[in-house]
């Protein structure tokens, strides 16, 4: 791969990294605002992008960083889904 092609590839990766970070930030904001469904969507999209970025990584530490961040997003989704189910069951009881 020539140098301009490598630069273009790095640029695409940086844009995807930025977008994943933006989705994560938006998810945290929506999470704090109580917009659970919207936060779940953003967390899952961020996790998807991070896993996509990790897929072709040859460097272990970079791969691990992406997968750890994706795992954190997925874990937060599990918590939010449980919270949503709890809220729904409580509202059905009242």
PDB file of N, CA and C in Angstrom:
ATOM      1  N   UNK A   1       0.854  -1.179   0.000  1.00  0.00           N
ATOM      2  CA  UNK A   1       0.000   0.000   0.000  1.00  0.00           C
ATOM      3  C   UNK A   1       0.895   1.235   0.000  1.00  0.00           C
ATOM      4  N   UNK A   2       0.587   2.169  -0.838  1.00  0.00           N
ATOM      5  CA  UNK A   2       1.410   3.368  -0.920  1.00  0.00           C
ATOM      6  C   UNK A   2       1.094   4.320   0.230  1.00  0.00           C
ATOM      7  N   UNK A   3       1.923   5.278   0.409  1.00  0.00           N
ATOM      8  CA  UNK A   3       1.781   6.229   1.502  1.00  0.00           C
ATOM      9  C   UNK A   3       0.467   7.009   1.446  1.00  0.00           C
ATOM     10  N   UNK A   4       0.033   7.538   0.280  1.00  0.00           N
ATOM     11  CA  UNK A   4      -1.261   8.232   0.241  1.00  0.00           C
ATOM     12  C   UNK A   4      -2.435   7.309   0.596  1.00  0.00           C
ATOM     13  N   UNK A   5      -2.339   6.041   0.172  1.00  0.00           N
ATOM     14  CA  UNK A   5      -3.411   5.103   0.503  1.00  0.00           C
ATOM     15  C   UNK A   5      -3.426   4.815   2.002  1.00  0.00           C
ATOM     16  N   UNK A   6      -2.250   4.698   2.599  1.00  0.00           N
ATOM     17  CA  UNK A   6      -2.178   4.475   4.040  1.00  0.00           C
ATOM     18  C   UNK A   6      -2.740   5.673   4.786  1.00  0.00           C
ATOM     19  N   UNK A   7      -2.416   6.857   4.344  1.00  0.00           N
ATOM     20  CA  UNK A   7      -2.918   8.075   4.977  1.00  0.00           C
ATOM     21  C   UNK A   7      -4.434   8.152   4.882  1.00  0.00           C
ATOM     22  N   UNK A   8      -4.971   7.773   3.730  1.00  0.00           N
ATOM     23  CA  UNK A   8      -6.416   7.793   3.543  1.00  0.00           C
ATOM     24  C   UNK A   8      -7.084   6.769   4.458  1.00  0.00           C
ATOM     25  N   UNK A   9      -6.477   5.592   4.581  1.00  0.00           N
ATOM     26  CA  UNK A   9      -7.016   4.547   5.457  1.00  0.00           C
ATOM     27  C   UNK A   9      -7.007   5.001   6.916  1.00  0.00           C
ATOM     28  N   UNK A  10      -5.900   5.615   7.338  1.00  0.00           N
ATOM     29  CA  UNK A  10      -5.802   6.123   8.710  1.00  0.00           C
ATOM     30  C   UNK A  10      -6.851   7.197   8.943  1.00  0.00           C
ATOM     31  N   UNK A  11      -7.070   8.040   7.947  1.00  0.00           N
ATOM     32  CA  UNK A  11      -8.072   9.090   8.057  1.00  0.00           C
ATOM     33  C   UNK A  11      -9.470   8.495   8.249  1.00  0.00           C
ATOM     34  N   UNK A  12      -9.789   7.448   7.504  1.00  0.00           N
ATOM     35  CA  UNK A  12     -11.090   6.786   7.649  1.00  0.00           C
ATOM     36  C   UNK A  12     -11.237   6.179   9.038  1.00  0.00           C
ATOM     37  N   UNK A  13     -10.173   5.558   9.520  1.00  0.00           N
ATOM     38  CA  UNK A  13     -10.207   4.951  10.850  1.00  0.00           C
ATOM     39  C   UNK A  13     -10.424   6.016  11.914  1.00  0.00           C
ATOM     40  N   UNK A  14      -9.740   7.130  11.794  1.00  0.00           N
ATOM     41  CA  UNK A  14      -9.892   8.230  12.757  1.00  0.00           C
ATOM     42  C   UNK A  14     -11.311   8.785  12.739  1.00  0.00           C
ATOM     43  N   UNK A  15     -11.912   8.871  11.570  1.00  0.00           N
ATOM     44  CA  UNK A  15     -13.293   9.356  11.474  1.00  0.00           C
ATOM     45  C   UNK A  15     -14.253   8.385  12.159  1.00  0.00           C
ATOM     46  N   UNK A  16     -14.034   7.100  11.961  1.00  0.00           N
ATOM     47  CA  UNK A  16     -14.891   6.102  12.603  1.00  0.00           C
ATOM     48  C   UNK A  16     -14.694   6.139  14.116  1.00  0.00           C
ATOM     49  N   UNK A  17     -13.436   6.275  14.553  1.00  0.00           N
ATOM     50  CA  UNK A  17     -13.156   6.405  15.988  1.00  0.00           C
ATOM     51  C   UNK A  17     -13.877   7.620  16.567  1.00  0.00           C
ATOM     52  N   UNK A  18     -13.802   8.732  15.859  1.00  0.00           N
ATOM     53  CA  UNK A  18     -14.459   9.953  16.327  1.00  0.00           C
ATOM     54  C   UNK A  18     -15.964   9.732  16.427  1.00  0.00           C
ATOM     55  N   UNK A  19     -16.550   9.127  15.408  1.00  0.00           N
ATOM     56  CA  UNK A  19     -17.998   8.904  15.402  1.00  0.00           C
ATOM     57  C   UNK A  19     -18.407   7.972  16.531  1.00  0.00           C
ATOM     58  N   UNK A  20     -17.634   6.922  16.775  1.00  0.00           N
ATOM     59  CA  UNK A  20     -17.929   6.006  17.888  1.00  0.00           C
ATOM     60  C   UNK A  20     -17.869   6.761  19.211  1.00  0.00           C
ATOM     61  N   UNK A  21     -16.874   7.619  19.361  1.00  0.00           N
ATOM     62  CA  UNK A  21     -16.763   8.424  20.575  1.00  0.00           C
ATOM     63  C   UNK A  21     -17.925   9.378  20.733  1.00  0.00           C
ATOM     64  N   UNK A  22     -18.363   9.957  19.625  1.00  0.00           N
ATOM     65  CA  UNK A  22     -19.507  10.868  19.658  1.00  0.00           C
ATOM     66  C   UNK A  22     -20.781  10.128  20.039  1.00  0.00           C
ATOM     67  N   UNK A  23     -20.966   8.940  19.468  1.00  0.00           N
ATOM     68  CA  UNK A  23     -22.136   8.126  19.832  1.00  0.00           C
ATOM     69  C   UNK A  23     -22.115   7.779  21.313  1.00  0.00           C
ATOM     70  N   UNK A  24     -20.934   7.439  21.820  1.00  0.00           N
ATOM     71  CA  UNK A  24     -20.810   7.102  23.238  1.00  0.00           C
ATOM     72  C   UNK A  24     -21.160   8.320  24.102  1.00  0.00           C
ATOM     73  N   UNK A  25     -20.639   9.484  23.743  1.00  0.00           N
ATOM     74  CA  UNK A  25     -20.941  10.705  24.502  1.00  0.00           C
ATOM     75  C   UNK A  25     -22.430  11.028  24.473  1.00  0.00           C
ATOM     76  N   UNK A  26     -23.030  10.880  23.310  1.00  0.00           N
ATOM     77  CA  UNK A  26     -24.471  11.106  23.188  1.00  0.00           C
ATOM     78  C   UNK A  26     -25.247  10.112  24.042  1.00  0.00           C
ATOM     79  N   UNK A  27     -24.788   8.869  24.048  1.00  0.00           N
ATOM     80  CA  UNK A  27     -25.466   7.831  24.843  1.00  0.00           C
ATOM     81  C   UNK A  27     -25.414   8.168  26.327  1.00  0.00           C
ATOM     82  N   UNK A  28     -24.259   8.619  26.798  1.00  0.00           N
ATOM     83  CA  UNK A  28     -24.115   8.985  28.209  1.00  0.00           C
ATOM     84  C   UNK A  28     -25.046  10.142  28.550  1.00  0.00           C
ATOM     85  N   UNK A  29     -25.102  11.131  27.674  1.00  0.00           N
ATOM     86  CA  UNK A  29     -25.982  12.283  27.897  1.00  0.00           C
ATOM     87  C   UNK A  29     -27.442  11.846  27.963  1.00  0.00           C
ATOM     88  N   UNK A  30     -27.847  11.008  27.023  1.00  0.00           N
ATOM     89  CA  UNK A  30     -29.236  10.532  27.000  1.00  0.00           C
ATOM     90  C   UNK A  30     -29.525   9.631  28.197  1.00  0.00           C
ATOM     91  N   UNK A  31     -28.544   8.846  28.592  1.00  0.00           N
ATOM     92  CA  UNK A  31     -28.668   7.978  29.755  1.00  0.00           C
ATOM     93  C   UNK A  31     -28.942   8.819  31.004  1.00  0.00           C
ATOM     94  N   UNK A  32     -28.173   9.871  31.186  1.00  0.00           N
ATOM     95  CA  UNK A  32     -28.344  10.755  32.349  1.00  0.00           C
ATOM     96  C   UNK A  32     -29.672  11.489  32.314  1.00  0.00           C
ATOM     97  N   UNK A  33     -30.179  11.751  31.103  1.00  0.00           N
ATOM     98  CA  UNK A  33     -31.448  12.457  30.946  1.00  0.00           C
ATOM     99  C   UNK A  33     -32.649  11.516  31.079  1.00  0.00           C
ATOM    100  N   UNK A  34     -32.382  10.215  31.236  1.00  0.00           N
ATOM    101  CA  UNK A  34     -33.464   9.253  31.395  1.00  0.00           C
ATOM    102  C   UNK A  34     -34.059   8.769  30.088  1.00  0.00           C
ATOM    103  N   UNK A  35     -33.420   9.063  28.971  1.00  0.00           N
ATOM    104  CA  UNK A  35     -33.896   8.611  27.662  1.00  0.00           C
ATOM    105  C   UNK A  35     -33.261   7.248  27.374  1.00  0.00           C
ATOM    106  N   UNK A  36     -33.782   6.235  28.033  1.00  0.00           N
ATOM    107  CA  UNK A  36     -33.165   4.913  28.037  1.00  0.00           C
ATOM    108  C   UNK A  36     -33.105   4.295  26.650  1.00  0.00           C
ATOM    109  N   UNK A  37     -34.200   4.307  25.930  1.00  0.00           N
ATOM    110  CA  UNK A  37     -34.220   3.662  24.611  1.00  0.00           C
ATOM    111  C   UNK A  37     -33.231   4.320  23.643  1.00  0.00           C
ATOM    112  N   UNK A  38     -33.173   5.637  23.662  1.00  0.00           N
ATOM    113  CA  UNK A  38     -32.239   6.342  22.788  1.00  0.00           C
ATOM    114  C   UNK A  38     -30.794   6.063  23.193  1.00  0.00           C
ATOM    115  N   UNK A  39     -30.551   5.993  24.493  1.00  0.00           N
ATOM    116  CA  UNK A  39     -29.199   5.694  24.987  1.00  0.00           C
ATOM    117  C   UNK A  39     -28.776   4.291  24.564  1.00  0.00           C
ATOM    118  N   UNK A  40     -29.696   3.341  24.675  1.00  0.00           N
ATOM    119  CA  UNK A  40     -29.403   1.965  24.273  1.00  0.00           C
ATOM    120  C   UNK A  40     -28.990   1.921  22.804  1.00  0.00           C
ATOM    121  N   UNK A  41     -29.737   2.619  21.966  1.00  0.00           N
ATOM    122  CA  UNK A  41     -29.438   2.645  20.533  1.00  0.00           C
ATOM    123  C   UNK A  41     -28.033   3.200  20.278  1.00  0.00           C
ATOM    124  N   UNK A  42     -27.704   4.300  20.927  1.00  0.00           N
ATOM    125  CA  UNK A  42     -26.393   4.913  20.729  1.00  0.00           C
ATOM    126  C   UNK A  42     -25.264   4.031  21.262  1.00  0.00           C
ATOM    127  N   UNK A  43     -25.467   3.432  22.424  1.00  0.00           N
ATOM    128  CA  UNK A  43     -24.451   2.522  22.969  1.00  0.00           C
ATOM    129  C   UNK A  43     -24.201   1.348  22.018  1.00  0.00           C
ATOM    130  N   UNK A  44     -25.272   0.781  21.489  1.00  0.00           N
ATOM    131  CA  UNK A  44     -25.116  -0.359  20.583  1.00  0.00           C
ATOM    132  C   UNK A  44     -24.422   0.036  19.285  1.00  0.00           C
ATOM    133  N   UNK A  45     -24.753   1.206  18.755  1.00  0.00           N
ATOM    134  CA  UNK A  45     -24.089   1.670  17.538  1.00  0.00           C
ATOM    135  C   UNK A  45     -22.605   1.917  17.793  1.00  0.00           C
ATOM    136  N   UNK A  46     -22.291   2.501  18.939  1.00  0.00           N
ATOM    137  CA  UNK A  46     -20.888   2.735  19.290  1.00  0.00           C
ATOM    138  C   UNK A  46     -20.148   1.404  19.422  1.00  0.00           C
ATOM    139  N   UNK A  47     -20.782   0.430  20.071  1.00  0.00           N
ATOM    140  CA  UNK A  47     -20.162  -0.889  20.230  1.00  0.00           C
ATOM    141  C   UNK A  47     -19.915  -1.538  18.873  1.00  0.00           C
ATOM    142  N   UNK A  48     -20.873  -1.430  17.976  1.00  0.00           N
ATOM    143  CA  UNK A  48     -20.705  -1.998  16.628  1.00  0.00           C
ATOM    144  C   UNK A  48     -19.505  -1.384  15.910  1.00  0.00           C
ATOM    145  N   UNK A  49     -19.390  -0.078  15.979  1.00  0.00           N
ATOM    146  CA  UNK A  49     -18.272   0.589  15.310  1.00  0.00           C
ATOM    147  C   UNK A  49     -16.930   0.202  15.939  1.00  0.00           C
ATOM    148  N   UNK A  50     -16.900   0.124  17.253  1.00  0.00           N
ATOM    149  CA  UNK A  50     -15.664  -0.253  17.932  1.00  0.00           C
ATOM    150  C   UNK A  50     -15.253  -1.684  17.585  1.00  0.00           C
ATOM    151  N   UNK A  51     -16.224  -2.567  17.499  1.00  0.00           N
ATOM    152  CA  UNK A  51     -15.907  -3.949  17.113  1.00  0.00           C
ATOM    153  C   UNK A  51     -15.449  -4.013  15.658  1.00  0.00           C
ATOM    154  N   UNK A  52     -16.043  -3.202  14.823  1.00  0.00           N
ATOM    155  CA  UNK A  52     -15.612  -3.119  13.432  1.00  0.00           C
ATOM    156  C   UNK A  52     -14.156  -2.642  13.353  1.00  0.00           C
ATOM    157  N   UNK A  53     -13.829  -1.639  14.144  1.00  0.00           N
ATOM    158  CA  UNK A  53     -12.460  -1.135  14.166  1.00  0.00           C
ATOM    159  C   UNK A  53     -11.475  -2.193  14.678  1.00  0.00           C
ATOM    160  N   UNK A  54     -11.910  -2.978  15.638  1.00  0.00           N
ATOM    161  CA  UNK A  54     -11.014  -3.988  16.227  1.00  0.00           C
ATOM    162  C   UNK A  54     -10.778  -5.174  15.300  1.00  0.00           C
ATOM    163  N   UNK A  55     -11.688  -5.385  14.398  1.00  0.00           N
ATOM    164  CA  UNK A  55     -11.664  -6.582  13.547  1.00  0.00           C
ATOM    165  C   UNK A  55     -10.354  -6.773  12.791  1.00  0.00           C
ATOM    166  N   UNK A  56      -9.800  -5.739  12.245  1.00  0.00           N
ATOM    167  CA  UNK A  56      -8.598  -5.866  11.417  1.00  0.00           C
ATOM    168  C   UNK A  56      -7.341  -5.335  12.098  1.00  0.00           C
ATOM    169  N   UNK A  57      -7.350  -5.298  13.411  1.00  0.00           N
ATOM    170  CA  UNK A  57      -6.184  -4.795  14.129  1.00  0.00           C
ATOM    171  C   UNK A  57      -5.154  -5.889  14.342  1.00  0.00           C
ATOM    172  N   UNK A  58      -3.922  -5.598  13.994  1.00  0.00           N
ATOM    173  CA  UNK A  58      -2.822  -6.534  14.213  1.00  0.00           C
ATOM    174  C   UNK A  58      -2.134  -6.280  15.551  1.00  0.00           C
ATOM    175  N   UNK A  59      -2.266  -5.081  16.065  1.00  0.00           N
ATOM    176  CA  UNK A  59      -1.613  -4.706  17.316  1.00  0.00           C
ATOM    177  C   UNK A  59      -2.559  -5.042  18.471  1.00  0.00           C
ATOM    178  N   UNK A  60      -2.092  -5.908  19.372  1.00  0.00           N
ATOM    179  CA  UNK A  60      -2.948  -6.412  20.449  1.00  0.00           C
ATOM    180  C   UNK A  60      -3.493  -5.290  21.327  1.00  0.00           C
ATOM    181  N   UNK A  61      -2.657  -4.348  21.715  1.00  0.00           N
ATOM    182  CA  UNK A  61      -3.118  -3.309  22.635  1.00  0.00           C
ATOM    183  C   UNK A  61      -4.200  -2.438  22.009  1.00  0.00           C
ATOM    184  N   UNK A  62      -4.089  -2.184  20.717  1.00  0.00           N
ATOM    185  CA  UNK A  62      -5.124  -1.403  20.028  1.00  0.00           C
ATOM    186  C   UNK A  62      -6.405  -2.225  19.933  1.00  0.00           C
ATOM    187  N   UNK A  63      -6.266  -3.498  19.555  1.00  0.00           N
ATOM    188  CA  UNK A  63      -7.423  -4.386  19.483  1.00  0.00           C
ATOM    189  C   UNK A  63      -8.121  -4.465  20.836  1.00  0.00           C
ATOM    190  N   UNK A  64      -7.341  -4.634  21.895  1.00  0.00           N
ATOM    191  CA  UNK A  64      -7.895  -4.762  23.250  1.00  0.00           C
ATOM    192  C   UNK A  64      -8.619  -3.488  23.668  1.00  0.00           C
ATOM    193  N   UNK A  65      -8.058  -2.337  23.336  1.00  0.00           N
ATOM    194  CA  UNK A  65      -8.702  -1.065  23.686  1.00  0.00           C
ATOM    195  C   UNK A  65     -10.071  -0.951  23.019  1.00  0.00           C
ATOM    196  N   UNK A  66     -10.147  -1.281  21.734  1.00  0.00           N
ATOM    197  CA  UNK A  66     -11.430  -1.233  21.029  1.00  0.00           C
ATOM    198  C   UNK A  66     -12.428  -2.227  21.619  1.00  0.00           C
ATOM    199  N   UNK A  67     -11.990  -3.447  21.835  1.00  0.00           N
ATOM    200  CA  UNK A  67     -12.919  -4.469  22.330  1.00  0.00           C
ATOM    201  C   UNK A  67     -13.349  -4.183  23.768  1.00  0.00           C
ATOM    202  N   UNK A  68     -12.455  -3.646  24.575  1.00  0.00           N
ATOM    203  CA  UNK A  68     -12.834  -3.295  25.951  1.00  0.00           C
ATOM    204  C   UNK A  68     -13.884  -2.190  25.963  1.00  0.00           C
ATOM    205  N   UNK A  69     -13.702  -1.194  25.110  1.00  0.00           N
ATOM    206  CA  UNK A  69     -14.690  -0.111  25.034  1.00  0.00           C
ATOM    207  C   UNK A  69     -16.027  -0.632  24.508  1.00  0.00           C
ATOM    208  N   UNK A  70     -15.987  -1.524  23.523  1.00  0.00           N
ATOM    209  CA  UNK A  70     -17.222  -2.110  22.995  1.00  0.00           C
ATOM    210  C   UNK A  70     -17.923  -2.937  24.066  1.00  0.00           C
ATOM    211  N   UNK A  71     -17.156  -3.690  24.821  1.00  0.00           N
ATOM    212  CA  UNK A  71     -17.719  -4.500  25.908  1.00  0.00           C
ATOM    213  C   UNK A  71     -18.366  -3.613  26.962  1.00  0.00           C
ATOM    214  N   UNK A  72     -17.733  -2.495  27.284  1.00  0.00           N
ATOM    215  CA  UNK A  72     -18.303  -1.565  28.259  1.00  0.00           C
ATOM    216  C   UNK A  72     -19.644  -1.020  27.765  1.00  0.00           C
ATOM    217  N   UNK A  73     -19.726  -0.714  26.476  1.00  0.00           N
ATOM    218  CA  UNK A  73     -20.993  -0.245  25.897  1.00  0.00           C
ATOM    219  C   UNK A  73     -22.060  -1.329  26.012  1.00  0.00           C
ATOM    220  N   UNK A  74     -21.698  -2.556  25.689  1.00  0.00           N
ATOM    221  CA  UNK A  74     -22.655  -3.658  25.742  1.00  0.00           C
ATOM    222  C   UNK A  74     -23.113  -3.930  27.172  1.00  0.00           C
ATOM    223  N   UNK A  75     -22.203  -3.827  28.122  1.00  0.00           N
ATOM    224  CA  UNK A  75     -22.576  -4.035  29.524  1.00  0.00           C
ATOM    225  C   UNK A  75     -23.558  -2.954  29.987  1.00  0.00           C
ATOM    226  N   UNK A  76     -23.323  -1.721  29.566  1.00  0.00           N
ATOM    227  CA  UNK A  76     -24.231  -0.639  29.940  1.00  0.00           C
ATOM    228  C   UNK A  76     -25.609  -0.859  29.327  1.00  0.00           C
ATOM    229  N   UNK A  77     -25.646  -1.389  28.123  1.00  0.00           N
ATOM    230  CA  UNK A  77     -26.931  -1.701  27.482  1.00  0.00           C
ATOM    231  C   UNK A  77     -27.680  -2.745  28.309  1.00  0.00           C
ATOM    232  N   UNK A  78     -26.977  -3.751  28.780  1.00  0.00           N
ATOM    233  CA  UNK A  78     -27.625  -4.781  29.612  1.00  0.00           C
ATOM    234  C   UNK A  78     -28.234  -4.163  30.869  1.00  0.00           C
ATOM    235  N   UNK A  79     -27.497  -3.251  31.491  1.00  0.00           N
ATOM    236  CA  UNK A  79     -27.997  -2.583  32.694  1.00  0.00           C
ATOM    237  C   UNK A  79     -29.228  -1.746  32.365  1.00  0.00           C
ATOM    238  N   UNK A  80     -29.161  -1.004  31.271  1.00  0.00           N
ATOM    239  CA  UNK A  80     -30.295  -0.157  30.895  1.00  0.00           C
ATOM    240  C   UNK A  80     -31.523  -0.981  30.518  1.00  0.00           C
ATOM    241  N   UNK A  81     -31.307  -2.110  29.858  1.00  0.00           N
ATOM    242  CA  UNK A  81     -32.445  -2.959  29.497  1.00  0.00           C
ATOM    243  C   UNK A  81     -33.093  -3.538  30.755  1.00  0.00           C
ATOM    244  N   UNK A  82     -32.290  -3.922  31.727  1.00  0.00           N
ATOM    245  CA  UNK A  82     -32.836  -4.422  32.991  1.00  0.00           C
ATOM    246  C   UNK A  82     -33.594  -3.311  33.713  1.00  0.00           C
ATOM    247  N   UNK A  83     -33.046  -2.111  33.695  1.00  0.00           N
ATOM    248  CA  UNK A  83     -33.701  -0.960  34.313  1.00  0.00           C
ATOM    249  C   UNK A  83     -35.042  -0.681  33.643  1.00  0.00           C
ATOM    250  N   UNK A  84     -35.060  -0.764  32.329  1.00  0.00           N
ATOM    251  CA  UNK A  84     -36.293  -0.517  31.575  1.00  0.00           C
ATOM    252  C   UNK A  84     -37.352  -1.572  31.911  1.00  0.00           C
ATOM    253  N   UNK A  85     -36.921  -2.844  31.967  1.00  0.00           N
ATOM    254  CA  UNK A  85     -37.878  -3.910  32.324  1.00  0.00           C
ATOM    255  C   UNK A  85     -38.424  -3.713  33.727  1.00  0.00           C
ATOM    256  N   UNK A  86     -37.576  -3.299  34.657  1.00  0.00           N
ATOM    257  CA  UNK A  86     -38.006  -3.055  36.026  1.00  0.00           C
ATOM    258  C   UNK A  86     -39.015  -1.927  36.082  1.00  0.00           C
ATOM    259  N   UNK A  87     -38.746  -0.852  35.360  1.00  0.00           N
ATOM    260  CA  UNK A  87     -39.677   0.281  35.313  1.00  0.00           C
ATOM    261  C   UNK A  87     -41.006  -0.141  34.704  1.00  0.00           C
ATOM    262  N   UNK A  88     -40.972  -0.962  33.650  1.00  0.00           N
ATOM    263  CA  UNK A  88     -42.206  -1.420  33.030  1.00  0.00           C
ATOM    264  C   UNK A  88     -43.008  -2.316  33.962  1.00  0.00           C
ATOM    265  N   UNK A  89     -42.341  -3.192  34.670  1.00  0.00           N
ATOM    266  CA  UNK A  89     -43.060  -4.084  35.585  1.00  0.00           C
ATOM    267  C   UNK A  89     -43.643  -3.307  36.753  1.00  0.00           C
ATOM    268  N   UNK A  90     -42.936  -2.271  37.212  1.00  0.00           N
ATOM    269  CA  UNK A  90     -43.467  -1.447  38.285  1.00  0.00           C
ATOM    270  C   UNK A  90     -44.668  -0.635  37.836  1.00  0.00           C
ATOM    271  N   UNK A  91     -44.633  -0.140  36.595  1.00  0.00           N
ATOM    272  CA  UNK A  91     -45.758   0.639  36.099  1.00  0.00           C
ATOM    273  C   UNK A  91     -46.979  -0.236  35.846  1.00  0.00           C
ATOM    274  N   UNK A  92     -46.755  -1.507  35.512  1.00  0.00           N
ATOM    275  CA  UNK A  92     -47.865  -2.437  35.301  1.00  0.00           C
ATOM    276  C   UNK A  92     -48.524  -2.809  36.628  1.00  0.00           C
ATOM    277  N   UNK A  93     -47.760  -2.799  37.699  1.00  0.00           N
ATOM    278  CA  UNK A  93     -48.298  -3.157  39.016  1.00  0.00           C
ATOM    279  C   UNK A  93     -49.131  -2.039  39.617  1.00  0.00           C
ATOM    280  N   UNK A  94     -48.906  -0.820  39.167  1.00  0.00           N
ATOM    281  CA  UNK A  94     -49.652   0.305  39.757  1.00  0.00           C
ATOM    282  C   UNK A  94     -50.911   0.591  39.026  1.00  0.00           C
TER     283      UNK A  94
END
